[in-house]
Amino acid sequence: MRNRNKKYYQTLLIIFLFLNSYLIFSQQDTGIWTELHPKVPRVDYWGVYFVNNDTGLATGELGAIIKTTDSGNSWYNIGTNYNKAIRTIGSYTGEKIIAAGDSGLIIISTDYGETWETIQSGTDKNFWNIQFVTEKIGWLVGEGSSAFKTTDSGDTWINQPTPLSGYPYWDVSFLDTSFGYICTNSGLILRTLDGGFSWDVKQAGDNYGLYTVNAVTRMKATAIGFAGKHVYTSDGGENWEFITYLGDESYKIVFLDTLKGFATNIVNGYETTDGGRDWIVRYDMNRGNNITFTNDENGFIVGNDLILEKTTNTGQS
């Protein structure tokens, strides 16, 4: 009798689990279970670029590209077949948007990110950061001492000779078409005064790598890297002063003016109000890989585990 009752309850349990599973999947189809079926790929995001205050794009692992047209209130997926990390995205006017990433991938869009075409790069190295200095001139840096320059708005890219060989170039920052920096491992910063035709190499502090650099003015620049290593120059990059270890490595620095700026890091974030000479920790900036501002008030952070954060008050919160 006890065995019959046991089988009876086992049968009821199987029926219950089947019906419960059916209800769960039905709920998912209606969009209730958005955590299991997100509208955008749940990956780490590395790049972010806004055409204007409303229209922006973010790029990430596995070829992910997402877009917003309402200032980040909602995002939708731009399907791609690249299956490679797209680590950086940028433009000067938005008419041509360039994105790049692993294995030498460079792609271009002329319809605000809705469709993309591949550009042959001639390299299999990973790209990390892009900057457009003018509508025509831009820079794209990456591993294997990759320092690619375009003079036609991104249609073609040519790797420029640099003094270092085999180094990962993590970030690039040009103040104008002539003056710029590239940061890399071993505490080295490359500087050009002639638009990349020639470079000098400066030792910035110890040998810990520097992952992001920003030319604030012609004389002042700041860089952050491994373990939050922070260096600063006030003489146009001739000499770099080691300031401190902030604690966590940083991936991107952005400035609103010559004094106020923010930097992302793998845990929180940093803020400066003196042009990058000193930084304080911001605990409300979570695991950001990249940061951008669309105007003096609105800014966006993208990062690991589908981090999408927005400020509407110049970074106060």
Foldseek 3Di string as FASTA:
>chain_A
DVVVVVVVVVVVVVVVVVVVVVVVVVCVVVVPPCVVPPQFDQFWWAEKDALFQAWIWIFFAQGWIWIGRGNPPDIHTQDDNPGGTFHYKDAANQQKIWIFFAQTWIWIDRPNPNDIDTADQPGGFTWHYKDAQHRQWIWIFFFQGFTWIGRGNPNYIDGADAPDGGWTFQEKEAPHQFWIWTWTFQQKIWIGRGNRNYIDIDRAPGRGGWREKYDLDQQWIWTAAAQRFIWIGRGRPPYIHTDDRPGFGWHYKDAQHQAWIKTAGQAFIWITRGRRNDIDTDNVHGRFNDKDANHQAWIWTGGGRGDIDITRGNPPD
